[in-house]
Amino acid sequence: MTTSRLLHHFVYRKVSLKTTWKCRLLILMFVVLFAFLTRVFWIPWIGRSLVCREDVAPSDAILVENFDPDYRVFERAAALQKAGFSGRILIPTEASEHDPEVADTISRGITELMSRTARLENTREHLGSVVVVTPGFRSRRSSLIYRAVLTPAGVQTHCMPVVGEHAIENWAATWHGIEDVTEQLVKLEYYRFYVLPLARRGPAAPVSNTQHLRT
C-alpha cells in the first residue's frame, strides 16, 4: 500500500471556490439597486409594521402616552374626549432618577402644560377599558406592552396611533425619519421576542397604579 493511499484514510483534499472582490461588489450593487427599485413597496410595509391598527371604542379612560412629549397625542386625546369616547384622561409621568417613587418635576410640568393647552382632564380611577393614544411608530410596541400588562387584569385595551411629521410612506426621506424608524423597529422586535416572553414566564406585575406605567 502506497503512502498516498494510507493517508487517504486519515486526511482528504478539499477544493473550494471563493468569490472575488469584484463578484462581492457586483452582488452588493445588485442588492442596493433592488432595494432602490422596490422602495415603494418595502418603505410603507416597514412603516405599517410599526403602527398599531386604529381601534377606538367608548372606554373608561383615554391614556395619553407621554414618555416622549408630543403635543399631537394630547391634541388627539382631546378630540377623542370631545367626541365622547371617554371623559377621563390618564397621563403617565416618568419617575425621577433619584427617587423612582416621585414623578420628575420637569416631566410633570411638561405634562401639565400640554394638558392645559389641549383642555384635558386627569384622573386616577380604576379602569375596565382604555384607549391608548400613542405616537405612530411606537404604537405597535406600546399596544403589545399595554395589552400584555392590562389584559390579565381585566382591562380591555384599544389603540389610537398618532402619526407625526414622518408618515408611513415617506419616513425614509430624511435621516431623522430613518433613525426613528430603525430605533422603533429594533425596540419592537426586542420587546416582542425577548421582554414580553420573559415577562409571561415571570410573576404578573401589579397594575393598580396606571399613572406610572412605563414602556
N, C-alpha and C. Protein backbone atom coordinates (compact mmCIF):
# COMPACT_ATOMS: atom_id res chain seq x y z
N MET A 1 0.86 -1.19 0.00
CA MET A 1 0.00 0.00 0.00
C MET A 1 0.89 1.24 0.00
N THR A 2 0.64 2.16 -0.94
CA THR A 2 1.46 3.35 -1.04
C THR A 2 1.12 4.32 0.08
N THR A 3 2.00 5.31 0.28
CA THR A 3 1.80 6.31 1.33
C THR A 3 0.56 7.15 1.08
N SER A 4 0.31 7.51 -0.19
CA SER A 4 -0.86 8.34 -0.52
C SER A 4 -2.15 7.62 -0.19
N ARG A 5 -2.21 6.29 -0.47
CA ARG A 5 -3.41 5.54 -0.15
C ARG A 5 -3.60 5.40 1.35
N LEU A 6 -2.49 5.31 2.07
CA LEU A 6 -2.56 5.22 3.52
C LEU A 6 -3.07 6.53 4.13
N LEU A 7 -2.62 7.67 3.63
CA LEU A 7 -3.06 8.98 4.13
C LEU A 7 -4.53 9.23 3.82
N HIS A 8 -5.03 8.59 2.76
CA HIS A 8 -6.43 8.79 2.38
C HIS A 8 -7.39 8.37 3.49
N HIS A 9 -6.98 7.45 4.34
CA HIS A 9 -7.83 7.00 5.44
C HIS A 9 -7.89 8.01 6.59
N PHE A 10 -6.99 9.01 6.58
CA PHE A 10 -6.90 9.97 7.69
C PHE A 10 -7.17 11.41 7.27
N VAL A 11 -6.79 11.76 6.08
CA VAL A 11 -6.99 13.13 5.60
C VAL A 11 -7.48 13.07 4.17
N TYR A 12 -8.11 14.19 3.72
CA TYR A 12 -8.52 14.27 2.33
C TYR A 12 -8.35 15.71 1.86
N ARG A 13 -8.28 15.86 0.58
CA ARG A 13 -8.10 17.18 -0.03
C ARG A 13 -9.45 17.71 -0.48
N LYS A 14 -9.71 18.99 -0.15
CA LYS A 14 -10.98 19.63 -0.50
C LYS A 14 -10.72 20.85 -1.35
N VAL A 15 -11.44 20.96 -2.44
CA VAL A 15 -11.33 22.11 -3.33
C VAL A 15 -12.52 23.03 -3.07
N SER A 16 -12.26 24.31 -2.79
CA SER A 16 -13.33 25.26 -2.51
C SER A 16 -13.23 26.46 -3.43
N LEU A 17 -14.38 27.02 -3.75
CA LEU A 17 -14.45 28.21 -4.58
C LEU A 17 -14.78 29.42 -3.72
N LYS A 18 -14.07 30.50 -3.89
CA LYS A 18 -14.31 31.74 -3.16
C LYS A 18 -14.57 32.87 -4.13
N THR A 19 -15.50 33.73 -3.74
CA THR A 19 -15.83 34.86 -4.62
C THR A 19 -14.74 35.92 -4.58
N THR A 20 -14.56 36.60 -5.68
CA THR A 20 -13.59 37.68 -5.74
C THR A 20 -14.23 38.97 -5.26
N TRP A 21 -13.43 39.99 -5.04
CA TRP A 21 -13.97 41.26 -4.58
C TRP A 21 -14.89 41.88 -5.64
N LYS A 22 -14.61 41.59 -6.90
CA LYS A 22 -15.46 42.10 -7.97
C LYS A 22 -16.85 41.46 -7.90
N CYS A 23 -16.88 40.16 -7.63
CA CYS A 23 -18.17 39.48 -7.51
C CYS A 23 -18.95 40.00 -6.32
N ARG A 24 -18.26 40.18 -5.18
CA ARG A 24 -18.95 40.68 -3.98
C ARG A 24 -19.46 42.09 -4.20
N LEU A 25 -18.68 42.93 -4.90
CA LEU A 25 -19.12 44.28 -5.23
C LEU A 25 -20.34 44.26 -6.14
N LEU A 26 -20.34 43.36 -7.11
CA LEU A 26 -21.47 43.24 -8.03
C LEU A 26 -22.74 42.82 -7.28
N ILE A 27 -22.60 41.86 -6.34
CA ILE A 27 -23.75 41.42 -5.54
C ILE A 27 -24.28 42.58 -4.70
N LEU A 28 -23.37 43.35 -4.09
CA LEU A 28 -23.78 44.50 -3.28
C LEU A 28 -24.51 45.53 -4.13
N MET A 29 -24.00 45.80 -5.31
CA MET A 29 -24.65 46.76 -6.20
C MET A 29 -26.04 46.27 -6.60
N PHE A 30 -26.16 44.97 -6.83
CA PHE A 30 -27.46 44.40 -7.19
C PHE A 30 -28.45 44.55 -6.04
N VAL A 31 -28.01 44.29 -4.81
CA VAL A 31 -28.88 44.42 -3.63
C VAL A 31 -29.35 45.86 -3.46
N VAL A 32 -28.39 46.81 -3.60
CA VAL A 32 -28.73 48.22 -3.46
C VAL A 32 -29.71 48.64 -4.55
N LEU A 33 -29.48 48.21 -5.78
CA LEU A 33 -30.36 48.56 -6.89
C LEU A 33 -31.75 47.96 -6.69
N PHE A 34 -31.80 46.71 -6.23
CA PHE A 34 -33.08 46.05 -5.99
C PHE A 34 -33.87 46.78 -4.90
N ALA A 35 -33.15 47.17 -3.82
CA ALA A 35 -33.81 47.90 -2.73
C ALA A 35 -34.33 49.25 -3.21
N PHE A 36 -33.56 49.91 -4.08
CA PHE A 36 -33.97 51.22 -4.60
C PHE A 36 -35.20 51.09 -5.50
N LEU A 37 -35.21 50.09 -6.35
CA LEU A 37 -36.32 49.93 -7.28
C LEU A 37 -37.61 49.47 -6.60
N THR A 38 -37.47 48.78 -5.48
CA THR A 38 -38.66 48.25 -4.78
C THR A 38 -39.02 49.07 -3.54
N ARG A 39 -38.45 50.26 -3.40
CA ARG A 39 -38.65 51.06 -2.19
C ARG A 39 -40.11 51.46 -1.98
N VAL A 40 -40.87 51.57 -3.08
CA VAL A 40 -42.29 51.94 -2.96
C VAL A 40 -43.09 50.85 -2.26
N PHE A 41 -42.53 49.65 -2.18
CA PHE A 41 -43.22 48.55 -1.52
C PHE A 41 -42.75 48.35 -0.08
N TRP A 42 -41.39 48.32 0.14
CA TRP A 42 -40.92 47.98 1.48
C TRP A 42 -40.91 49.16 2.45
N ILE A 43 -40.83 50.39 1.95
CA ILE A 43 -40.88 51.54 2.87
C ILE A 43 -42.24 51.62 3.57
N PRO A 44 -43.37 51.61 2.84
CA PRO A 44 -44.67 51.61 3.54
C PRO A 44 -44.88 50.35 4.38
N TRP A 45 -44.36 49.21 3.92
CA TRP A 45 -44.54 47.95 4.66
C TRP A 45 -43.87 48.03 6.03
N ILE A 46 -42.64 48.56 6.08
CA ILE A 46 -41.96 48.72 7.36
C ILE A 46 -42.70 49.72 8.23
N GLY A 47 -43.14 50.83 7.63
CA GLY A 47 -43.88 51.83 8.40
C GLY A 47 -45.15 51.25 9.01
N ARG A 48 -45.91 50.50 8.21
CA ARG A 48 -47.15 49.90 8.72
C ARG A 48 -46.89 48.86 9.80
N SER A 49 -45.74 48.18 9.72
CA SER A 49 -45.44 47.15 10.72
C SER A 49 -45.21 47.74 12.10
N LEU A 50 -44.91 49.04 12.17
CA LEU A 50 -44.65 49.70 13.46
C LEU A 50 -45.88 50.37 14.04
N VAL A 51 -46.92 50.51 13.22
CA VAL A 51 -48.11 51.27 13.64
C VAL A 51 -49.24 50.30 13.98
N CYS A 52 -49.81 50.47 15.15
CA CYS A 52 -50.91 49.59 15.56
C CYS A 52 -52.16 49.89 14.73
N ARG A 53 -53.03 48.91 14.64
CA ARG A 53 -54.31 49.11 13.94
C ARG A 53 -55.19 50.04 14.76
N GLU A 54 -55.72 51.07 14.11
CA GLU A 54 -56.57 52.02 14.84
C GLU A 54 -57.81 51.31 15.35
N ASP A 55 -57.96 51.29 16.65
CA ASP A 55 -59.06 50.57 17.29
C ASP A 55 -59.58 51.43 18.43
N VAL A 56 -60.63 52.18 18.16
CA VAL A 56 -61.16 53.12 19.15
C VAL A 56 -62.60 52.74 19.46
N ALA A 57 -62.92 52.71 20.76
CA ALA A 57 -64.28 52.40 21.20
C ALA A 57 -64.53 53.16 22.50
N PRO A 58 -65.77 53.45 22.84
CA PRO A 58 -66.05 54.10 24.12
C PRO A 58 -65.41 53.32 25.27
N SER A 59 -64.66 54.02 26.12
CA SER A 59 -63.90 53.36 27.16
C SER A 59 -63.99 54.13 28.47
N ASP A 60 -63.48 53.52 29.53
CA ASP A 60 -63.48 54.18 30.83
C ASP A 60 -62.52 55.34 30.89
N ALA A 61 -61.44 55.28 30.08
CA ALA A 61 -60.45 56.35 30.11
C ALA A 61 -59.64 56.36 28.83
N ILE A 62 -59.02 57.49 28.57
CA ILE A 62 -58.07 57.65 27.47
C ILE A 62 -56.69 57.82 28.10
N LEU A 63 -55.75 56.95 27.72
CA LEU A 63 -54.39 57.03 28.27
C LEU A 63 -53.49 57.69 27.24
N VAL A 64 -52.90 58.83 27.62
CA VAL A 64 -52.01 59.57 26.73
C VAL A 64 -50.57 59.15 27.02
N GLU A 65 -49.94 58.49 26.06
CA GLU A 65 -48.56 58.06 26.26
C GLU A 65 -47.64 59.25 26.05
N ASN A 66 -46.96 59.64 27.11
CA ASN A 66 -46.22 60.90 27.12
C ASN A 66 -44.75 60.71 27.46
N PHE A 67 -44.19 59.55 27.16
CA PHE A 67 -42.79 59.31 27.51
C PHE A 67 -41.86 60.14 26.63
N ASP A 68 -42.27 60.40 25.38
CA ASP A 68 -41.56 61.33 24.50
C ASP A 68 -42.56 62.45 24.20
N PRO A 69 -42.55 63.54 25.00
CA PRO A 69 -43.60 64.56 24.91
C PRO A 69 -43.87 65.02 23.48
N ASP A 70 -45.12 64.92 23.08
CA ASP A 70 -45.54 65.29 21.73
C ASP A 70 -46.95 65.86 21.85
N TYR A 71 -47.11 67.12 21.47
CA TYR A 71 -48.40 67.76 21.62
C TYR A 71 -49.48 67.08 20.81
N ARG A 72 -49.08 66.43 19.70
CA ARG A 72 -50.09 65.82 18.83
C ARG A 72 -50.91 64.75 19.54
N VAL A 73 -50.28 63.99 20.44
CA VAL A 73 -51.04 62.94 21.13
C VAL A 73 -52.05 63.56 22.10
N PHE A 74 -51.68 64.70 22.71
CA PHE A 74 -52.63 65.41 23.58
C PHE A 74 -53.79 65.97 22.77
N GLU A 75 -53.47 66.49 21.60
CA GLU A 75 -54.50 67.06 20.74
C GLU A 75 -55.48 65.97 20.30
N ARG A 76 -54.95 64.78 19.94
CA ARG A 76 -55.81 63.69 19.52
C ARG A 76 -56.65 63.18 20.69
N ALA A 77 -56.06 63.13 21.88
CA ALA A 77 -56.80 62.70 23.06
C ALA A 77 -57.94 63.67 23.36
N ALA A 78 -57.67 64.97 23.20
CA ALA A 78 -58.72 65.97 23.43
C ALA A 78 -59.86 65.79 22.43
N ALA A 79 -59.51 65.46 21.17
CA ALA A 79 -60.54 65.24 20.15
C ALA A 79 -61.39 64.01 20.49
N LEU A 80 -60.74 62.95 20.97
CA LEU A 80 -61.48 61.75 21.36
C LEU A 80 -62.39 62.03 22.55
N GLN A 81 -61.87 62.82 23.48
CA GLN A 81 -62.68 63.18 24.64
C GLN A 81 -63.90 64.00 24.22
N LYS A 82 -63.67 64.94 23.32
CA LYS A 82 -64.76 65.79 22.84
C LYS A 82 -65.79 64.97 22.06
N ALA A 83 -65.31 63.91 21.36
CA ALA A 83 -66.21 63.07 20.57
C ALA A 83 -67.00 62.10 21.45
N GLY A 84 -66.68 62.06 22.74
CA GLY A 84 -67.46 61.25 23.66
C GLY A 84 -66.96 59.84 23.89
N PHE A 85 -65.73 59.53 23.48
CA PHE A 85 -65.20 58.19 23.71
C PHE A 85 -64.89 57.96 25.19
N SER A 86 -64.52 59.01 25.90
CA SER A 86 -64.32 58.92 27.35
C SER A 86 -64.17 60.33 27.89
N GLY A 87 -64.64 60.53 29.11
CA GLY A 87 -64.50 61.84 29.73
C GLY A 87 -63.31 61.92 30.66
N ARG A 88 -62.56 60.80 30.77
CA ARG A 88 -61.44 60.76 31.72
C ARG A 88 -60.12 60.50 31.00
N ILE A 89 -59.07 61.12 31.48
CA ILE A 89 -57.75 61.04 30.86
C ILE A 89 -56.73 60.55 31.88
N LEU A 90 -55.86 59.63 31.44
CA LEU A 90 -54.71 59.21 32.23
C LEU A 90 -53.45 59.64 31.51
N ILE A 91 -52.53 60.26 32.24
CA ILE A 91 -51.29 60.73 31.64
C ILE A 91 -50.13 60.18 32.46
N PRO A 92 -49.46 59.12 32.02
CA PRO A 92 -48.31 58.59 32.76
C PRO A 92 -47.20 59.62 32.82
N THR A 93 -46.51 59.69 33.96
CA THR A 93 -45.37 60.58 34.13
C THR A 93 -44.16 59.75 34.48
N GLU A 94 -42.99 60.19 34.01
CA GLU A 94 -41.76 59.45 34.27
C GLU A 94 -41.33 59.63 35.72
N ALA A 95 -40.74 58.56 36.26
CA ALA A 95 -40.24 58.62 37.63
C ALA A 95 -38.90 59.34 37.68
N SER A 96 -38.60 59.98 38.79
CA SER A 96 -37.33 60.66 38.98
C SER A 96 -36.19 59.66 39.05
N GLU A 97 -35.01 60.02 38.50
CA GLU A 97 -33.85 59.14 38.55
C GLU A 97 -33.37 58.95 39.99
N HIS A 98 -33.58 59.95 40.84
CA HIS A 98 -33.10 59.87 42.22
C HIS A 98 -34.11 59.14 43.11
N ASP A 99 -35.37 59.26 42.83
CA ASP A 99 -36.39 58.60 43.63
C ASP A 99 -37.47 58.09 42.70
N PRO A 100 -37.47 56.77 42.38
CA PRO A 100 -38.43 56.23 41.41
C PRO A 100 -39.87 56.36 41.85
N GLU A 101 -40.13 56.68 43.12
CA GLU A 101 -41.49 56.82 43.60
C GLU A 101 -42.05 58.21 43.38
N VAL A 102 -41.18 59.15 43.03
CA VAL A 102 -41.58 60.54 42.87
C VAL A 102 -41.48 60.93 41.40
N ALA A 103 -42.55 61.43 40.83
CA ALA A 103 -42.53 61.83 39.42
C ALA A 103 -41.59 62.99 39.22
N ASP A 104 -40.83 62.97 38.10
CA ASP A 104 -39.88 64.03 37.80
C ASP A 104 -40.59 65.36 37.62
N THR A 105 -40.06 66.42 38.24
CA THR A 105 -40.70 67.73 38.24
C THR A 105 -40.84 68.30 36.83
N ILE A 106 -39.77 68.19 36.03
CA ILE A 106 -39.80 68.74 34.68
C ILE A 106 -40.82 67.97 33.83
N SER A 107 -40.78 66.63 33.92
CA SER A 107 -41.72 65.82 33.16
C SER A 107 -43.16 66.14 33.54
N ARG A 108 -43.42 66.27 34.86
CA ARG A 108 -44.77 66.60 35.31
C ARG A 108 -45.18 67.98 34.81
N GLY A 109 -44.23 68.92 34.82
CA GLY A 109 -44.54 70.27 34.35
C GLY A 109 -44.93 70.28 32.88
N ILE A 110 -44.17 69.52 32.04
CA ILE A 110 -44.49 69.43 30.62
C ILE A 110 -45.86 68.81 30.43
N THR A 111 -46.12 67.74 31.19
CA THR A 111 -47.41 67.06 31.10
C THR A 111 -48.56 67.99 31.44
N GLU A 112 -48.42 68.74 32.54
CA GLU A 112 -49.49 69.64 32.96
C GLU A 112 -49.70 70.76 31.95
N LEU A 113 -48.59 71.28 31.39
CA LEU A 113 -48.70 72.35 30.40
C LEU A 113 -49.45 71.87 29.16
N MET A 114 -49.08 70.68 28.65
CA MET A 114 -49.75 70.15 27.47
C MET A 114 -51.21 69.83 27.77
N SER A 115 -51.47 69.35 28.98
CA SER A 115 -52.84 69.03 29.36
C SER A 115 -53.71 70.26 29.36
N ARG A 116 -53.21 71.34 29.95
CA ARG A 116 -53.98 72.58 30.00
C ARG A 116 -54.21 73.13 28.60
N THR A 117 -53.17 73.05 27.75
CA THR A 117 -53.29 73.58 26.39
C THR A 117 -54.33 72.81 25.58
N ALA A 118 -54.34 71.49 25.73
CA ALA A 118 -55.28 70.65 24.98
C ALA A 118 -56.63 70.52 25.69
N ARG A 119 -56.79 71.18 26.86
CA ARG A 119 -58.04 71.16 27.62
C ARG A 119 -58.43 69.74 28.04
N LEU A 120 -57.45 69.02 28.62
CA LEU A 120 -57.71 67.65 29.05
C LEU A 120 -58.01 67.61 30.54
N GLU A 121 -58.70 66.53 30.95
CA GLU A 121 -58.98 66.30 32.36
C GLU A 121 -58.19 65.06 32.81
N ASN A 122 -57.66 65.08 34.04
CA ASN A 122 -56.86 63.96 34.55
C ASN A 122 -57.62 63.21 35.63
N THR A 123 -57.34 61.92 35.74
CA THR A 123 -57.98 61.09 36.75
C THR A 123 -57.11 59.92 37.11
N ARG A 124 -57.38 59.26 38.25
CA ARG A 124 -56.62 58.09 38.67
C ARG A 124 -57.52 56.91 39.00
N GLU A 125 -58.70 56.89 38.49
CA GLU A 125 -59.65 55.85 38.85
C GLU A 125 -59.30 54.53 38.16
N HIS A 126 -59.75 53.42 38.74
CA HIS A 126 -59.52 52.11 38.16
C HIS A 126 -60.31 51.97 36.86
N LEU A 127 -59.81 51.10 35.98
CA LEU A 127 -60.34 51.03 34.62
C LEU A 127 -60.85 49.64 34.28
N GLY A 128 -61.82 49.58 33.35
CA GLY A 128 -62.24 48.33 32.76
C GLY A 128 -61.88 48.30 31.30
N SER A 129 -61.66 49.48 30.70
CA SER A 129 -61.24 49.60 29.30
C SER A 129 -60.51 50.94 29.13
N VAL A 130 -59.61 50.98 28.17
CA VAL A 130 -58.80 52.19 27.98
C VAL A 130 -58.41 52.31 26.51
N VAL A 131 -58.35 53.55 26.03
CA VAL A 131 -57.84 53.85 24.70
C VAL A 131 -56.45 54.44 24.87
N VAL A 132 -55.43 53.80 24.32
CA VAL A 132 -54.06 54.28 24.42
C VAL A 132 -53.76 55.16 23.21
N VAL A 133 -53.51 56.43 23.45
CA VAL A 133 -53.15 57.36 22.38
C VAL A 133 -51.63 57.50 22.41
N THR A 134 -50.98 57.09 21.33
CA THR A 134 -49.52 56.97 21.33
C THR A 134 -48.93 57.39 20.00
N PRO A 135 -47.68 57.90 19.99
CA PRO A 135 -47.02 58.25 18.73
C PRO A 135 -47.00 57.07 17.77
N GLY A 136 -47.20 57.35 16.48
CA GLY A 136 -47.42 56.32 15.48
C GLY A 136 -46.41 55.20 15.43
N PHE A 137 -45.12 55.53 15.27
CA PHE A 137 -44.13 54.49 15.03
C PHE A 137 -43.76 53.68 16.26
N ARG A 138 -44.21 54.08 17.43
CA ARG A 138 -44.01 53.24 18.61
C ARG A 138 -45.33 52.61 19.05
N SER A 139 -46.38 52.84 18.28
CA SER A 139 -47.71 52.41 18.72
C SER A 139 -47.87 50.89 18.73
N ARG A 140 -47.26 50.17 17.78
CA ARG A 140 -47.38 48.71 17.79
C ARG A 140 -46.73 48.13 19.05
N ARG A 141 -45.56 48.65 19.39
CA ARG A 141 -44.87 48.18 20.61
C ARG A 141 -45.68 48.55 21.84
N SER A 142 -46.19 49.76 21.91
CA SER A 142 -46.98 50.18 23.06
C SER A 142 -48.23 49.34 23.20
N SER A 143 -48.88 49.04 22.05
CA SER A 143 -50.09 48.22 22.10
C SER A 143 -49.79 46.83 22.65
N LEU A 144 -48.68 46.23 22.21
CA LEU A 144 -48.30 44.91 22.71
C LEU A 144 -48.04 44.95 24.22
N ILE A 145 -47.35 45.99 24.67
CA ILE A 145 -46.99 46.09 26.08
C ILE A 145 -48.22 46.30 26.95
N TYR A 146 -49.06 47.26 26.58
CA TYR A 146 -50.24 47.56 27.40
C TYR A 146 -51.20 46.37 27.43
N ARG A 147 -51.35 45.69 26.29
CA ARG A 147 -52.24 44.53 26.29
C ARG A 147 -51.67 43.40 27.15
N ALA A 148 -50.33 43.23 27.11
CA ALA A 148 -49.71 42.18 27.92
C ALA A 148 -49.86 42.47 29.41
N VAL A 149 -49.84 43.75 29.78
CA VAL A 149 -49.92 44.13 31.19
C VAL A 149 -51.36 44.23 31.67
N LEU A 150 -52.23 44.84 30.85
CA LEU A 150 -53.59 45.16 31.31
C LEU A 150 -54.61 44.05 31.08
N THR A 151 -54.44 43.26 30.01
CA THR A 151 -55.42 42.21 29.73
C THR A 151 -55.57 41.21 30.88
N PRO A 152 -54.45 40.72 31.48
CA PRO A 152 -54.60 39.81 32.62
C PRO A 152 -55.34 40.43 33.81
N ALA A 153 -55.32 41.77 33.89
CA ALA A 153 -56.02 42.46 34.98
C ALA A 153 -57.47 42.76 34.61
N GLY A 154 -57.91 42.29 33.44
CA GLY A 154 -59.30 42.50 33.04
C GLY A 154 -59.56 43.84 32.39
N VAL A 155 -58.52 44.51 31.92
CA VAL A 155 -58.68 45.82 31.28
C VAL A 155 -58.57 45.66 29.77
N GLN A 156 -59.62 46.02 29.06
CA GLN A 156 -59.61 45.94 27.60
C GLN A 156 -58.88 47.14 27.04
N THR A 157 -57.94 46.89 26.11
CA THR A 157 -57.07 47.95 25.59
C THR A 157 -57.35 48.22 24.12
N HIS A 158 -57.56 49.50 23.78
CA HIS A 158 -57.71 49.95 22.40
C HIS A 158 -56.51 50.83 22.06
N CYS A 159 -56.24 50.99 20.77
CA CYS A 159 -55.05 51.74 20.35
C CYS A 159 -55.42 52.83 19.34
N MET A 160 -54.88 54.03 19.56
CA MET A 160 -55.04 55.14 18.63
C MET A 160 -53.65 55.67 18.27
N PRO A 161 -53.11 55.30 17.10
CA PRO A 161 -51.79 55.81 16.71
C PRO A 161 -51.88 57.24 16.20
N VAL A 162 -50.89 58.04 16.54
CA VAL A 162 -50.83 59.43 16.06
C VAL A 162 -49.56 59.58 15.25
N VAL A 163 -49.68 59.57 13.94
CA VAL A 163 -48.52 59.69 13.06
C VAL A 163 -48.13 61.15 12.93
N GLY A 164 -46.85 61.43 13.15
CA GLY A 164 -46.37 62.81 13.13
C GLY A 164 -45.87 63.25 11.77
N GLU A 165 -44.75 63.99 11.78
CA GLU A 165 -44.24 64.55 10.54
C GLU A 165 -43.70 63.46 9.60
N HIS A 166 -43.25 62.33 10.15
CA HIS A 166 -42.75 61.24 9.33
C HIS A 166 -43.89 60.24 9.10
N ALA A 167 -44.50 60.33 7.92
CA ALA A 167 -45.64 59.48 7.61
C ALA A 167 -45.17 58.08 7.24
N ILE A 168 -46.12 57.17 7.17
CA ILE A 168 -45.80 55.77 6.87
C ILE A 168 -45.13 55.64 5.51
N GLU A 169 -45.51 56.47 4.56
CA GLU A 169 -44.99 56.34 3.20
C GLU A 169 -43.69 57.10 2.96
N ASN A 170 -43.34 58.09 3.80
CA ASN A 170 -42.18 58.93 3.47
C ASN A 170 -41.14 59.02 4.59
N TRP A 171 -41.15 58.09 5.55
CA TRP A 171 -40.20 58.19 6.66
C TRP A 171 -38.75 58.09 6.21
N ALA A 172 -38.51 57.44 5.05
CA ALA A 172 -37.13 57.28 4.58
C ALA A 172 -36.61 58.50 3.85
N ALA A 173 -37.41 59.57 3.78
CA ALA A 173 -37.00 60.77 3.05
C ALA A 173 -35.96 61.58 3.82
N THR A 174 -35.87 61.41 5.14
CA THR A 174 -34.91 62.16 5.95
C THR A 174 -34.14 61.20 6.84
N TRP A 175 -32.93 61.62 7.24
CA TRP A 175 -32.11 60.79 8.13
C TRP A 175 -32.78 60.65 9.49
N HIS A 176 -33.46 61.70 9.94
CA HIS A 176 -34.15 61.63 11.23
C HIS A 176 -35.26 60.59 11.18
N GLY A 177 -35.99 60.53 10.07
CA GLY A 177 -37.04 59.53 9.91
C GLY A 177 -36.47 58.12 9.89
N ILE A 178 -35.34 57.94 9.18
CA ILE A 178 -34.69 56.63 9.12
C ILE A 178 -34.22 56.22 10.52
N GLU A 179 -33.63 57.17 11.25
CA GLU A 179 -33.15 56.88 12.60
C GLU A 179 -34.30 56.50 13.52
N ASP A 180 -35.41 57.24 13.42
CA ASP A 180 -36.57 56.98 14.28
C ASP A 180 -37.16 55.60 13.99
N VAL A 181 -37.36 55.29 12.71
CA VAL A 181 -37.96 54.00 12.34
C VAL A 181 -37.04 52.85 12.70
N THR A 182 -35.73 53.01 12.46
CA THR A 182 -34.78 51.95 12.81
C THR A 182 -34.79 51.67 14.31
N GLU A 183 -34.80 52.74 15.10
CA GLU A 183 -34.83 52.59 16.56
C GLU A 183 -36.10 51.88 17.01
N GLN A 184 -37.24 52.30 16.47
CA GLN A 184 -38.51 51.71 16.87
C GLN A 184 -38.62 50.26 16.39
N LEU A 185 -38.07 49.95 15.23
CA LEU A 185 -38.11 48.58 14.72
C LEU A 185 -37.29 47.64 15.61
N VAL A 186 -36.10 48.10 16.01
CA VAL A 186 -35.25 47.29 16.89
C VAL A 186 -35.94 47.08 18.25
N LYS A 187 -36.53 48.14 18.79
CA LYS A 187 -37.19 48.04 20.08
C LYS A 187 -38.42 47.13 20.00
N LEU A 188 -39.17 47.22 18.89
CA LEU A 188 -40.35 46.37 18.74
C LEU A 188 -39.97 44.90 18.77
N GLU A 189 -38.94 44.52 18.01
CA GLU A 189 -38.54 43.12 17.98
C GLU A 189 -37.94 42.69 19.31
N TYR A 190 -37.24 43.60 19.98
CA TYR A 190 -36.66 43.28 21.28
C TYR A 190 -37.76 42.98 22.30
N TYR A 191 -38.78 43.82 22.31
CA TYR A 191 -39.89 43.59 23.24
C TYR A 191 -40.71 42.37 22.84
N ARG A 192 -40.91 42.19 21.54
CA ARG A 192 -41.77 41.10 21.06
C ARG A 192 -41.14 39.72 21.34
N PHE A 193 -39.82 39.60 21.12
CA PHE A 193 -39.20 38.28 21.19
C PHE A 193 -38.38 38.05 22.46
N TYR A 194 -38.17 39.10 23.27
CA TYR A 194 -37.39 38.90 24.49
C TYR A 194 -38.12 39.36 25.75
N VAL A 195 -38.49 40.63 25.80
CA VAL A 195 -39.05 41.19 27.02
C VAL A 195 -40.40 40.58 27.36
N LEU A 196 -41.33 40.57 26.42
CA LEU A 196 -42.68 40.08 26.70
C LEU A 196 -42.70 38.57 26.98
N PRO A 197 -42.00 37.73 26.19
CA PRO A 197 -41.95 36.31 26.56
C PRO A 197 -41.34 36.08 27.93
N LEU A 198 -40.33 36.88 28.29
CA LEU A 198 -39.71 36.76 29.60
C LEU A 198 -40.68 37.17 30.70
N ALA A 199 -41.46 38.22 30.44
CA ALA A 199 -42.43 38.70 31.42
C ALA A 199 -43.55 37.68 31.63
N ARG A 200 -43.94 36.98 30.55
CA ARG A 200 -45.01 35.98 30.68
C ARG A 200 -44.59 34.81 31.56
N ARG A 201 -43.29 34.52 31.57
CA ARG A 201 -42.81 33.41 32.39
C ARG A 201 -42.66 33.79 33.85
N GLY A 202 -42.58 35.12 34.12
CA GLY A 202 -42.40 35.58 35.49
C GLY A 202 -43.71 35.91 36.14
N PRO A 203 -43.66 36.38 37.42
CA PRO A 203 -44.88 36.76 38.13
C PRO A 203 -45.52 37.98 37.51
N ALA A 204 -46.85 38.06 37.55
CA ALA A 204 -47.57 39.21 36.99
C ALA A 204 -47.27 40.46 37.78
N ALA A 205 -47.06 41.56 37.07
CA ALA A 205 -46.75 42.83 37.72
C ALA A 205 -48.03 43.52 38.16
N PRO A 206 -48.03 44.25 39.29
CA PRO A 206 -49.23 44.96 39.73
C PRO A 206 -49.56 46.08 38.76
N VAL A 207 -50.84 46.31 38.53
CA VAL A 207 -51.26 47.34 37.58
C VAL A 207 -52.24 48.31 38.21
N SER A 208 -52.30 48.35 39.54
CA SER A 208 -53.28 49.20 40.20
C SER A 208 -53.00 50.67 39.98
N ASN A 209 -51.72 51.06 39.79
CA ASN A 209 -51.37 52.47 39.59
C ASN A 209 -51.05 52.69 38.13
N THR A 210 -52.07 52.93 37.33
CA THR A 210 -51.88 53.10 35.91
C THR A 210 -51.09 54.35 35.59
N GLN A 211 -51.06 55.29 36.51
CA GLN A 211 -50.35 56.54 36.27
C GLN A 211 -48.88 56.33 36.02
N HIS A 212 -48.28 55.25 36.53
CA HIS A 212 -46.84 55.08 36.43
C HIS A 212 -46.43 53.93 35.52
N LEU A 213 -47.35 53.48 34.62
CA LEU A 213 -46.96 52.51 33.62
C LEU A 213 -45.93 53.13 32.71
N ARG A 214 -44.84 52.42 32.48
CA ARG A 214 -43.78 53.00 31.65
C ARG A 214 -43.27 51.95 30.67
N THR A 215 -43.08 52.36 29.41
CA THR A 215 -42.55 51.46 28.40
C THR A 215 -41.26 52.03 27.86
